Amino acid sequence: MLRVQVSEDERVRLREADILRNIRRGIITVDDAGVLLFANPVASDLLEFDLEERMGQPIIEELRTTAPSLADALDRAVRDRVLATRTEGMVR
């Protein structure tokens, strides 16, 4: 029974990741230390750099020059431990 449950959990996780990758808006997820956990291809395209290669690394300060509004929103979310569900701003 445990083996079936692990398999089902993995299938759900993969389906969710596929959905997030195909959304036509940029999505970025960081942990409570500002380390990049997830970014979909649209986020990479909008920011004009490959976020995939930055997975597992701190990302907020790197975003500051390209997308200061996004960096500020992520910084506030990490600092105040508040979920930021939507942020808009200019990308340079």
C-alpha atoms as a PDB file:
ATOM      1  CA  MET A   1       0.000   0.000   0.000  1.00  0.00           C
ATOM      2  CA  LEU A   2       2.820   2.421   0.792  1.00  0.00           C
ATOM      3  CA  ARG A   3       4.350   1.878  -2.647  1.00  0.00           C
ATOM      4  CA  VAL A   4       1.066   2.822  -4.340  1.00  0.00           C
ATOM      5  CA  GLN A   5       0.779   5.976  -2.211  1.00  0.00           C
ATOM      6  CA  VAL A   6       4.303   7.123  -3.070  1.00  0.00           C
ATOM      7  CA  SER A   7       3.581   6.558  -6.741  1.00  0.00           C
ATOM      8  CA  GLU A   8       0.327   8.556  -6.532  1.00  0.00           C
ATOM      9  CA  ASP A   9       2.058  11.410  -4.675  1.00  0.00           C
ATOM     10  CA  GLU A  10       4.770  11.534  -7.334  1.00  0.00           C
ATOM     11  CA  ARG A  11       2.197  11.576 -10.140  1.00  0.00           C
ATOM     12  CA  VAL A  12       0.345  14.493  -8.507  1.00  0.00           C
ATOM     13  CA  ARG A  13       3.617  16.404  -8.007  1.00  0.00           C
ATOM     14  CA  LEU A  14       4.627  15.906 -11.636  1.00  0.00           C
ATOM     15  CA  ARG A  15       1.194  16.962 -12.890  1.00  0.00           C
ATOM     16  CA  GLU A  16       1.314  20.127 -10.764  1.00  0.00           C
ATOM     17  CA  ALA A  17       4.810  20.979 -12.017  1.00  0.00           C
ATOM     18  CA  ASP A  18       3.664  20.474 -15.613  1.00  0.00           C
ATOM     19  CA  ILE A  19       0.691  22.792 -15.091  1.00  0.00           C
ATOM     20  CA  LEU A  20       2.886  25.498 -13.543  1.00  0.00           C
ATOM     21  CA  ARG A  21       5.422  25.227 -16.369  1.00  0.00           C
ATOM     22  CA  ASN A  22       2.684  25.804 -18.956  1.00  0.00           C
ATOM     23  CA  ILE A  23       0.955  28.800 -17.363  1.00  0.00           C
ATOM     24  CA  ARG A  24       1.405  31.898 -19.515  1.00  0.00           C
ATOM     25  CA  ARG A  25       2.430  34.091 -16.570  1.00  0.00           C
ATOM     26  CA  GLY A  26       5.787  34.111 -14.846  1.00  0.00           C
ATOM     27  CA  ILE A  27       5.865  32.096 -11.647  1.00  0.00           C
ATOM     28  CA  ILE A  28       8.720  32.152  -9.146  1.00  0.00           C
ATOM     29  CA  THR A  29       8.841  30.390  -5.791  1.00  0.00           C
ATOM     30  CA  VAL A  30      11.482  31.000  -3.135  1.00  0.00           C
ATOM     31  CA  ASP A  31      11.963  29.506   0.311  1.00  0.00           C
ATOM     32  CA  ASP A  32      12.246  31.449   3.574  1.00  0.00           C
ATOM     33  CA  ALA A  33      15.912  32.222   2.811  1.00  0.00           C
ATOM     34  CA  GLY A  34      15.250  33.606  -0.683  1.00  0.00           C
ATOM     35  CA  VAL A  35      16.549  30.478  -2.415  1.00  0.00           C
ATOM     36  CA  LEU A  36      14.905  29.790  -5.772  1.00  0.00           C
ATOM     37  CA  LEU A  37      12.745  26.656  -5.587  1.00  0.00           C
ATOM     38  CA  PHE A  38      10.765  26.954  -8.814  1.00  0.00           C
ATOM     39  CA  ALA A  39      10.478  29.187 -11.856  1.00  0.00           C
ATOM     40  CA  ASN A  40       8.490  28.474 -14.965  1.00  0.00           C
ATOM     41  CA  PRO A  41       9.878  29.185 -18.462  1.00  0.00           C
ATOM     42  CA  VAL A  42       7.737  32.324 -18.813  1.00  0.00           C
ATOM     43  CA  ALA A  43       9.475  33.854 -15.771  1.00  0.00           C
ATOM     44  CA  SER A  44      12.852  33.168 -17.396  1.00  0.00           C
ATOM     45  CA  ASP A  45      11.658  34.719 -20.655  1.00  0.00           C
ATOM     46  CA  LEU A  46      10.299  37.831 -18.940  1.00  0.00           C
ATOM     47  CA  LEU A  47      13.459  38.345 -16.898  1.00  0.00           C
ATOM     48  CA  GLU A  48      15.684  37.430 -19.850  1.00  0.00           C
ATOM     49  CA  PHE A  49      17.905  35.036 -17.970  1.00  0.00           C
ATOM     50  CA  ASP A  50      17.844  31.321 -17.283  1.00  0.00           C
ATOM     51  CA  LEU A  51      16.288  30.736 -13.884  1.00  0.00           C
ATOM     52  CA  GLU A  52      16.543  26.960 -14.299  1.00  0.00           C
ATOM     53  CA  GLU A  53      20.304  27.116 -13.796  1.00  0.00           C
ATOM     54  CA  ARG A  54      19.820  29.199 -10.638  1.00  0.00           C
ATOM     55  CA  MET A  55      17.585  26.655  -8.860  1.00  0.00           C
ATOM     56  CA  GLY A  56      18.740  26.086  -5.305  1.00  0.00           C
ATOM     57  CA  GLN A  57      20.560  29.427  -5.138  1.00  0.00           C
ATOM     58  CA  PRO A  58      19.636  32.754  -3.517  1.00  0.00           C
ATOM     59  CA  ILE A  59      17.917  34.821  -6.210  1.00  0.00           C
ATOM     60  CA  ILE A  60      16.479  38.013  -4.702  1.00  0.00           C
ATOM     61  CA  GLU A  61      19.557  40.237  -5.009  1.00  0.00           C
ATOM     62  CA  GLU A  62      20.195  39.007  -8.541  1.00  0.00           C
ATOM     63  CA  LEU A  63      16.649  40.030  -9.486  1.00  0.00           C
ATOM     64  CA  ARG A  64      17.079  43.516  -8.018  1.00  0.00           C
ATOM     65  CA  THR A  65      18.789  45.021 -11.098  1.00  0.00           C
ATOM     66  CA  THR A  66      16.403  43.488 -13.632  1.00  0.00           C
ATOM     67  CA  ALA A  67      13.116  43.491 -11.702  1.00  0.00           C
ATOM     68  CA  PRO A  68      13.373  45.679  -8.574  1.00  0.00           C
ATOM     69  CA  SER A  69       9.619  45.478  -7.815  1.00  0.00           C
ATOM     70  CA  LEU A  70       9.742  41.689  -7.885  1.00  0.00           C
ATOM     71  CA  ALA A  71      12.878  41.613  -5.726  1.00  0.00           C
ATOM     72  CA  ASP A  72      11.236  43.952  -3.198  1.00  0.00           C
ATOM     73  CA  ALA A  73       8.059  41.836  -3.099  1.00  0.00           C
ATOM     74  CA  LEU A  74      10.019  38.615  -2.611  1.00  0.00           C
ATOM     75  CA  ASP A  75      12.215  40.278   0.014  1.00  0.00           C
ATOM     76  CA  ARG A  76       9.129  41.469   1.947  1.00  0.00           C
ATOM     77  CA  ALA A  77       7.512  38.038   1.673  1.00  0.00           C
ATOM     78  CA  VAL A  78      10.644  36.339   3.031  1.00  0.00           C
ATOM     79  CA  ARG A  79      11.304  38.933   5.736  1.00  0.00           C
ATOM     80  CA  ASP A  80       7.690  39.218   6.957  1.00  0.00           C
ATOM     81  CA  ARG A  81       6.820  35.569   6.235  1.00  0.00           C
ATOM     82  CA  VAL A  82       3.855  36.666   4.129  1.00  0.00           C
ATOM     83  CA  LEU A  83       2.661  34.857   1.035  1.00  0.00           C
ATOM     84  CA  ALA A  84       2.986  37.090  -2.034  1.00  0.00           C
ATOM     85  CA  THR A  85       0.520  35.705  -4.537  1.00  0.00           C
ATOM     86  CA  ARG A  86       0.722  38.405  -7.177  1.00  0.00           C
ATOM     87  CA  THR A  87       3.220  41.117  -7.939  1.00  0.00           C
ATOM     88  CA  GLU A  88       3.397  43.417 -10.915  1.00  0.00           C
ATOM     89  CA  GLY A  89       6.197  45.716 -11.936  1.00  0.00           C
ATOM     90  CA  MET A  90       8.544  46.756 -14.691  1.00  0.00           C
ATOM     91  CA  VAL A  91      11.390  44.593 -15.936  1.00  0.00           C
ATOM     92  CA  ARG A  92      14.439  46.488 -17.155  1.00  0.00           C
END
